[in-house]
PDB file of N, CA and C in Angstrom:
ATOM      1  N   SER A   1     -42.087   2.873  16.680  1.00  0.00           N
ATOM      2  CA  SER A   1     -41.648   4.178  17.109  1.00  0.00           C
ATOM      3  C   SER A   1     -41.745   5.379  15.935  1.00  0.00           C
ATOM      4  N   HIS A   2     -42.252   6.388  16.388  1.00  0.00           N
ATOM      5  CA  HIS A   2     -42.380   7.490  15.291  1.00  0.00           C
ATOM      6  C   HIS A   2     -41.329   8.497  15.466  1.00  0.00           C
ATOM      7  N   ALA A   3     -40.262   8.244  16.473  1.00  0.00           N
ATOM      8  CA  ALA A   3     -39.291   9.235  16.737  1.00  0.00           C
ATOM      9  C   ALA A   3     -38.157   9.345  15.501  1.00  0.00           C
ATOM     10  N   ASN A   4     -38.107   8.393  14.695  1.00  0.00           N
ATOM     11  CA  ASN A   4     -37.132   8.220  13.643  1.00  0.00           C
ATOM     12  C   ASN A   4     -35.762   8.371  14.269  1.00  0.00           C
ATOM     13  N   ASN A   5     -35.426   7.774  15.266  1.00  0.00           N
ATOM     14  CA  ASN A   5     -33.935   7.859  15.875  1.00  0.00           C
ATOM     15  C   ASN A   5     -33.186   6.729  15.071  1.00  0.00           C
ATOM     16  N   ARG A   6     -32.147   7.292  14.429  1.00  0.00           N
ATOM     17  CA  ARG A   6     -31.321   6.464  13.669  1.00  0.00           C
ATOM     18  C   ARG A   6     -29.801   6.609  14.140  1.00  0.00           C
ATOM     19  N   THR A   7     -29.199   5.404  13.988  1.00  0.00           N
ATOM     20  CA  THR A   7     -27.701   5.453  14.204  1.00  0.00           C
ATOM     21  C   THR A   7     -26.965   5.855  13.138  1.00  0.00           C
ATOM     22  N   ARG A   8     -26.091   6.909  13.262  1.00  0.00           N
ATOM     23  CA  ARG A   8     -25.229   7.199  12.076  1.00  0.00           C
ATOM     24  C   ARG A   8     -24.302   6.258  11.885  1.00  0.00           C
ATOM     25  N   ARG A   9     -24.151   5.658  10.718  1.00  0.00           N
ATOM     26  CA  ARG A   9     -23.215   4.576  10.470  1.00  0.00           C
ATOM     27  C   ARG A   9     -22.026   5.323   9.769  1.00  0.00           C
ATOM     28  N   SER A  10     -20.737   4.762  10.190  1.00  0.00           N
ATOM     29  CA  SER A  10     -19.643   5.457   9.753  1.00  0.00           C
ATOM     30  C   SER A  10     -18.833   4.111   8.940  1.00  0.00           C
ATOM     31  N   PHE A  11     -18.529   4.472   7.539  1.00  0.00           N
ATOM     32  CA  PHE A  11     -17.773   3.534   6.908  1.00  0.00           C
ATOM     33  C   PHE A  11     -16.314   3.645   7.027  1.00  0.00           C
ATOM     34  N   ARG A  12     -15.571   2.757   7.492  1.00  0.00           N
ATOM     35  CA  ARG A  12     -14.094   2.924   7.726  1.00  0.00           C
ATOM     36  C   ARG A  12     -13.355   1.912   6.925  1.00  0.00           C
ATOM     37  N   PRO A  13     -12.040   2.290   6.508  1.00  0.00           N
ATOM     38  CA  PRO A  13     -11.474   1.241   5.711  1.00  0.00           C
ATOM     39  C   PRO A  13     -10.956   0.109   6.689  1.00  0.00           C
ATOM     40  N   ASN A  14     -10.853  -1.074   6.043  1.00  0.00           N
ATOM     41  CA  ASN A  14     -10.440  -2.206   6.954  1.00  0.00           C
ATOM     42  C   ASN A  14      -8.784  -2.253   6.766  1.00  0.00           C
ATOM     43  N   LEU A  15      -8.235  -1.672   7.725  1.00  0.00           N
ATOM     44  CA  LEU A  15      -6.716  -1.539   7.894  1.00  0.00           C
ATOM     45  C   LEU A  15      -6.052  -2.659   8.454  1.00  0.00           C
ATOM     46  N   GLN A  16      -4.993  -2.994   7.952  1.00  0.00           N
ATOM     47  CA  GLN A  16      -4.126  -4.161   8.431  1.00  0.00           C
ATOM     48  C   GLN A  16      -2.758  -3.838   8.393  1.00  0.00           C
ATOM     49  N   VAL A  17      -1.947  -4.275   9.361  1.00  0.00           N
ATOM     50  CA  VAL A  17      -0.426  -4.226   9.387  1.00  0.00           C
ATOM     51  C   VAL A  17       0.153  -5.333   8.648  1.00  0.00           C
ATOM     52  N   VAL A  18       0.799  -5.074   7.501  1.00  0.00           N
ATOM     53  CA  VAL A  18       1.394  -6.171   6.693  1.00  0.00           C
ATOM     54  C   VAL A  18       2.724  -6.015   6.447  1.00  0.00           C
ATOM     55  N   SER A  19       3.522  -6.974   6.220  1.00  0.00           N
ATOM     56  CA  SER A  19       4.794  -6.949   5.705  1.00  0.00           C
ATOM     57  C   SER A  19       4.920  -7.674   4.306  1.00  0.00           C
ATOM     58  N   MET A  20       5.435  -6.975   3.360  1.00  0.00           N
ATOM     59  CA  MET A  20       5.584  -7.417   2.018  1.00  0.00           C
ATOM     60  C   MET A  20       6.965  -7.511   1.866  1.00  0.00           C
ATOM     61  N   LEU A  21       7.373  -8.692   1.038  1.00  0.00           N
ATOM     62  CA  LEU A  21       8.807  -8.788   0.683  1.00  0.00           C
ATOM     63  C   LEU A  21       9.130  -8.080  -0.504  1.00  0.00           C
ATOM     64  N   SER A  22      10.090  -7.245  -0.492  1.00  0.00           N
ATOM     65  CA  SER A  22      10.644  -6.788  -1.480  1.00  0.00           C
ATOM     66  C   SER A  22      11.972  -7.556  -2.241  1.00  0.00           C
ATOM     67  N   GLU A  23      11.898  -7.894  -3.517  1.00  0.00           N
ATOM     68  CA  GLU A  23      12.905  -8.892  -3.867  1.00  0.00           C
ATOM     69  C   GLU A  23      14.157  -7.893  -4.249  1.00  0.00           C
ATOM     70  N   LEU A  24      13.884  -6.796  -4.791  1.00  0.00           N
ATOM     71  CA  LEU A  24      15.014  -5.965  -5.145  1.00  0.00           C
ATOM     72  C   LEU A  24      15.812  -5.459  -3.925  1.00  0.00           C
ATOM     73  N   LEU A  25      15.146  -5.009  -2.903  1.00  0.00           N
ATOM     74  CA  LEU A  25      15.857  -4.593  -1.674  1.00  0.00           C
ATOM     75  C   LEU A  25      16.283  -5.760  -0.929  1.00  0.00           C
ATOM     76  N   GLY A  26      15.759  -6.952  -1.013  1.00  0.00           N
ATOM     77  CA  GLY A  26      15.988  -8.006  -0.197  1.00  0.00           C
ATOM     78  C   GLY A  26      15.659  -7.953   1.295  1.00  0.00           C
ATOM     79  N   GLN A  27      14.640  -7.447   1.588  1.00  0.00           N
ATOM     80  CA  GLN A  27      14.095  -7.251   2.884  1.00  0.00           C
ATOM     81  C   GLN A  27      12.467  -6.996   2.755  1.00  0.00           C
ATOM     82  N   SER A  28      11.931  -7.272   4.002  1.00  0.00           N
ATOM     83  CA  SER A  28      10.422  -6.928   4.071  1.00  0.00           C
ATOM     84  C   SER A  28      10.151  -5.483   4.522  1.00  0.00           C
ATOM     85  N   ILE A  29       8.971  -5.113   3.917  1.00  0.00           N
ATOM     86  CA  ILE A  29       8.600  -3.737   4.156  1.00  0.00           C
ATOM     87  C   ILE A  29       7.278  -3.835   5.003  1.00  0.00           C
ATOM     88  N   ARG A  30       7.267  -3.214   6.184  1.00  0.00           N
ATOM     89  CA  ARG A  30       6.180  -3.327   7.163  1.00  0.00           C
ATOM     90  C   ARG A  30       5.325  -2.035   7.036  1.00  0.00           C
ATOM     91  N   MET A  31       4.234  -2.095   6.657  1.00  0.00           N
ATOM     92  CA  MET A  31       3.272  -0.884   6.649  1.00  0.00           C
ATOM     93  C   MET A  31       1.817  -1.232   6.867  1.00  0.00           C
ATOM     94  N   ARG A  32       0.970  -0.165   7.241  1.00  0.00           N
ATOM     95  CA  ARG A  32      -0.382  -0.232   7.418  1.00  0.00           C
ATOM     96  C   ARG A  32      -1.126   0.206   6.298  1.00  0.00           C
ATOM     97  N   MET A  33      -2.085  -0.859   5.651  1.00  0.00           N
ATOM     98  CA  MET A  33      -2.729  -0.604   4.495  1.00  0.00           C
ATOM     99  C   MET A  33      -4.082  -1.246   4.404  1.00  0.00           C
ATOM    100  N   SER A  34      -4.978  -0.889   3.614  1.00  0.00           N
ATOM    101  CA  SER A  34      -6.314  -1.515   3.562  1.00  0.00           C
ATOM    102  C   SER A  34      -6.152  -2.731   2.796  1.00  0.00           C
ATOM    103  N   THR A  35      -7.162  -3.536   3.174  1.00  0.00           N
ATOM    104  CA  THR A  35      -7.216  -5.015   2.454  1.00  0.00           C
ATOM    105  C   THR A  35      -7.267  -4.675   0.735  1.00  0.00           C
ATOM    106  N   ASN A  36      -8.029  -3.680   0.323  1.00  0.00           N
ATOM    107  CA  ASN A  36      -8.211  -3.368  -0.908  1.00  0.00           C
ATOM    108  C   ASN A  36      -6.832  -3.147  -1.533  1.00  0.00           C
ATOM    109  N   ALA A  37      -6.018  -2.304  -0.892  1.00  0.00           N
ATOM    110  CA  ALA A  37      -4.602  -1.977  -1.441  1.00  0.00           C
ATOM    111  C   ALA A  37      -3.697  -3.153  -1.345  1.00  0.00           C
ATOM    112  N   ILE A  38      -3.914  -4.273  -0.511  1.00  0.00           N
ATOM    113  CA  ILE A  38      -3.179  -5.388  -0.417  1.00  0.00           C
ATOM    114  C   ILE A  38      -3.436  -6.205  -1.724  1.00  0.00           C
ATOM    115  N   ARG A  39      -4.888  -6.219  -2.062  1.00  0.00           N
ATOM    116  CA  ARG A  39      -5.325  -7.046  -3.232  1.00  0.00           C
ATOM    117  C   ARG A  39      -4.732  -6.354  -4.453  1.00  0.00           C
ATOM    118  N   THR A  40      -4.685  -5.015  -4.439  1.00  0.00           N
ATOM    119  CA  THR A  40      -4.093  -4.296  -5.739  1.00  0.00           C
ATOM    120  C   THR A  40      -2.783  -4.595  -5.833  1.00  0.00           C
ATOM    121  N   ILE A  41      -1.902  -4.546  -4.869  1.00  0.00           N
ATOM    122  CA  ILE A  41      -0.468  -4.748  -4.908  1.00  0.00           C
ATOM    123  C   ILE A  41      -0.156  -6.260  -5.346  1.00  0.00           C
ATOM    124  N   GLU A  42      -1.055  -7.319  -4.842  1.00  0.00           N
ATOM    125  CA  GLU A  42      -0.750  -8.547  -5.271  1.00  0.00           C
ATOM    126  C   GLU A  42      -1.176  -8.855  -6.663  1.00  0.00           C
ATOM    127  N   HIS A  43      -2.187  -8.139  -7.096  1.00  0.00           N
ATOM    128  CA  HIS A  43      -2.741  -8.282  -8.466  1.00  0.00           C
ATOM    129  C   HIS A  43      -1.587  -7.700  -9.452  1.00  0.00           C
ATOM    130  N   ALA A  44      -0.813  -6.608  -9.084  1.00  0.00           N
ATOM    131  CA  ALA A  44       0.245  -6.049  -9.877  1.00  0.00           C
ATOM    132  C   ALA A  44       1.456  -6.947  -9.922  1.00  0.00           C
ATOM    133  N   GLY A  45       1.642  -7.960  -8.938  1.00  0.00           N
ATOM    134  CA  GLY A  45       2.747  -8.878  -9.270  1.00  0.00           C
ATOM    135  C   GLY A  45       3.714  -8.544  -7.965  1.00  0.00           C
ATOM    136  N   GLY A  46       3.270  -8.018  -6.939  1.00  0.00           N
ATOM    137  CA  GLY A  46       4.153  -7.710  -5.690  1.00  0.00           C
ATOM    138  C   GLY A  46       4.470  -6.196  -5.572  1.00  0.00           C
ATOM    139  N   ILE A  47       5.057  -5.896  -4.391  1.00  0.00           N
ATOM    140  CA  ILE A  47       5.245  -4.604  -4.094  1.00  0.00           C
ATOM    141  C   ILE A  47       6.336  -3.922  -5.081  1.00  0.00           C
ATOM    142  N   ASP A  48       7.337  -4.549  -5.570  1.00  0.00           N
ATOM    143  CA  ASP A  48       8.259  -3.852  -6.459  1.00  0.00           C
ATOM    144  C   ASP A  48       7.575  -3.624  -7.742  1.00  0.00           C
ATOM    145  N   ALA A  49       6.826  -4.457  -8.268  1.00  0.00           N
ATOM    146  CA  ALA A  49       6.017  -4.159  -9.710  1.00  0.00           C
ATOM    147  C   ALA A  49       4.984  -3.067  -9.545  1.00  0.00           C
ATOM    148  N   TYR A  50       4.452  -3.051  -8.265  1.00  0.00           N
ATOM    149  CA  TYR A  50       3.385  -2.011  -8.072  1.00  0.00           C
ATOM    150  C   TYR A  50       4.013  -0.685  -7.978  1.00  0.00           C
ATOM    151  N   LEU A  51       5.027  -0.559  -7.343  1.00  0.00           N
ATOM    152  CA  LEU A  51       5.623   0.797  -7.184  1.00  0.00           C
ATOM    153  C   LEU A  51       6.342   1.251  -8.345  1.00  0.00           C
ATOM    154  N   THR A  52       6.770   0.415  -9.298  1.00  0.00           N
ATOM    155  CA  THR A  52       7.440   0.862 -10.551  1.00  0.00           C
ATOM    156  C   THR A  52       6.410   1.254 -11.581  1.00  0.00           C
ATOM    157  N   LYS A  53       5.275   0.706 -11.412  1.00  0.00           N
ATOM    158  CA  LYS A  53       4.161   0.934 -12.363  1.00  0.00           C
ATOM    159  C   LYS A  53       3.289   2.235 -12.018  1.00  0.00           C
ATOM    160  N   THR A  54       3.382   2.546 -10.639  1.00  0.00           N
ATOM    161  CA  THR A  54       2.359   3.608 -10.159  1.00  0.00           C
ATOM    162  C   THR A  54       3.237   4.960 -10.164  1.00  0.00           C
ATOM    163  N   ILE A  55       2.449   6.128 -10.571  1.00  0.00           N
ATOM    164  CA  ILE A  55       3.208   7.390 -10.488  1.00  0.00           C
ATOM    165  C   ILE A  55       3.326   7.890  -9.103  1.00  0.00           C
ATOM    166  N   ALA A  56       4.433   8.501  -8.919  1.00  0.00           N
ATOM    167  CA  ALA A  56       5.036   8.928  -7.526  1.00  0.00           C
ATOM    168  C   ALA A  56       3.931   9.950  -6.937  1.00  0.00           C
ATOM    169  N   ALA A  57       3.178  10.712  -7.819  1.00  0.00           N
ATOM    170  CA  ALA A  57       2.121  11.621  -7.190  1.00  0.00           C
ATOM    171  C   ALA A  57       1.132  10.996  -6.483  1.00  0.00           C
ATOM    172  N   LYS A  58       0.746   9.820  -6.928  1.00  0.00           N
ATOM    173  CA  LYS A  58      -0.367   9.092  -6.407  1.00  0.00           C
ATOM    174  C   LYS A  58      -0.057   8.364  -5.126  1.00  0.00           C
ATOM    175  N   LEU A  59       1.131   8.280  -4.886  1.00  0.00           N
ATOM    176  CA  LEU A  59       1.644   7.505  -3.541  1.00  0.00           C
ATOM    177  C   LEU A  59       1.930   8.401  -2.385  1.00  0.00           C
ATOM    178  N   PRO A  60       1.624   7.647  -1.119  1.00  0.00           N
ATOM    179  CA  PRO A  60       1.996   8.372   0.043  1.00  0.00           C
ATOM    180  C   PRO A  60       3.493   8.565   0.298  1.00  0.00           C
ATOM    181  N   PRO A  61       3.811   9.632   1.081  1.00  0.00           N
ATOM    182  CA  PRO A  61       5.306   9.876   1.200  1.00  0.00           C
ATOM    183  C   PRO A  61       6.078   8.567   1.680  1.00  0.00           C
ATOM    184  N   GLU A  62       5.506   7.760   2.464  1.00  0.00           N
ATOM    185  CA  GLU A  62       6.231   6.511   2.924  1.00  0.00           C
ATOM    186  C   GLU A  62       6.603   5.627   1.686  1.00  0.00           C
ATOM    187  N   LEU A  63       5.738   5.505   0.845  1.00  0.00           N
ATOM    188  CA  LEU A  63       5.934   4.638  -0.388  1.00  0.00           C
ATOM    189  C   LEU A  63       6.805   5.264  -1.494  1.00  0.00           C
ATOM    190  N   ARG A  64       6.777   6.668  -1.400  1.00  0.00           N
ATOM    191  CA  ARG A  64       7.699   7.351  -2.363  1.00  0.00           C
ATOM    192  C   ARG A  64       9.071   7.115  -1.929  1.00  0.00           C
ATOM    193  N   ARG A  65       9.368   7.142  -0.649  1.00  0.00           N
ATOM    194  CA  ARG A  65      10.793   6.713  -0.257  1.00  0.00           C
ATOM    195  C   ARG A  65      11.128   5.435  -0.652  1.00  0.00           C
ATOM    196  N   ILE A  66      10.076   4.377  -0.604  1.00  0.00           N
ATOM    197  CA  ILE A  66      10.491   3.111  -1.008  1.00  0.00           C
ATOM    198  C   ILE A  66      10.916   2.984  -2.435  1.00  0.00           C
ATOM    199  N   LYS A  67       9.991   3.786  -3.121  1.00  0.00           N
ATOM    200  CA  LYS A  67      10.082   3.680  -4.656  1.00  0.00           C
ATOM    201  C   LYS A  67      11.482   4.207  -5.007  1.00  0.00           C
ATOM    202  N   ARG A  68      12.017   5.419  -4.456  1.00  0.00           N
ATOM    203  CA  ARG A  68      13.259   5.989  -4.572  1.00  0.00           C
ATOM    204  C   ARG A  68      14.422   4.966  -4.290  1.00  0.00           C
ATOM    205  N   ARG A  69      14.114   4.238  -3.188  1.00  0.00           N
ATOM    206  CA  ARG A  69      15.203   3.153  -2.876  1.00  0.00           C
ATOM    207  C   ARG A  69      15.163   2.108  -4.009  1.00  0.00           C
ATOM    208  N   LEU A  70      14.009   1.754  -4.348  1.00  0.00           N
ATOM    209  CA  LEU A  70      13.940   0.678  -5.465  1.00  0.00           C
ATOM    210  C   LEU A  70      14.608   1.012  -6.694  1.00  0.00           C
ATOM    211  N   ALA A  71      14.599   2.377  -7.084  1.00  0.00           N
ATOM    212  CA  ALA A  71      15.296   2.974  -8.285  1.00  0.00           C
ATOM    213  C   ALA A  71      16.737   2.924  -8.034  1.00  0.00           C
ATOM    214  N   LYS A  72      17.212   3.251  -6.932  1.00  0.00           N
ATOM    215  CA  LYS A  72      18.687   3.260  -6.640  1.00  0.00           C
ATOM    216  C   LYS A  72      19.062   1.731  -6.763  1.00  0.00           C
ATOM    217  N   ALA A  73      18.505   0.879  -6.205  1.00  0.00           N
ATOM    218  CA  ALA A  73      18.934  -0.592  -6.098  1.00  0.00           C
ATOM    219  C   ALA A  73      18.780  -1.187  -7.561  1.00  0.00           C
ATOM    220  N   ARG A  74      17.744  -0.789  -8.391  1.00  0.00           N
ATOM    221  CA  ARG A  74      17.722  -1.162  -9.742  1.00  0.00           C
ATOM    222  C   ARG A  74      19.014  -0.738 -10.625  1.00  0.00           C
ATOM    223  N   ALA A  75      19.228   0.633 -10.288  1.00  0.00           N
ATOM    224  CA  ALA A  75      20.550   1.296 -11.077  1.00  0.00           C
ATOM    225  C   ALA A  75      21.815   0.678 -10.731  1.00  0.00           C
ATOM    226  N   ALA A  76      21.994   0.256  -9.397  1.00  0.00           N
ATOM    227  CA  ALA A  76      23.248  -0.338  -8.987  1.00  0.00           C
ATOM    228  C   ALA A  76      23.361  -1.950  -9.610  1.00  0.00           C
ATOM    229  N   ALA A  77      22.186  -2.453  -9.650  1.00  0.00           N
ATOM    230  CA  ALA A  77      22.352  -3.969 -10.219  1.00  0.00           C
ATOM    231  C   ALA A  77      22.490  -4.046 -11.783  1.00  0.00           C
TER     232      ALA A  77
END
């Protein structure tokens, strides 16, 4: 065919609903994140270690709240 009809492909993130266990808070945190983000968190050593290492400005508001809760739990312990 000479019409050059092409399908416009869209690249979308592979989003999953996961629950990660926070050892400091003693509960699981349920959130929707990409598989790449899940691998990054696991590489850092878990959700607690990842949130303490990451700058708050780079985190979404939901994770900023959890990071603040972790800081309070660490200060209380």
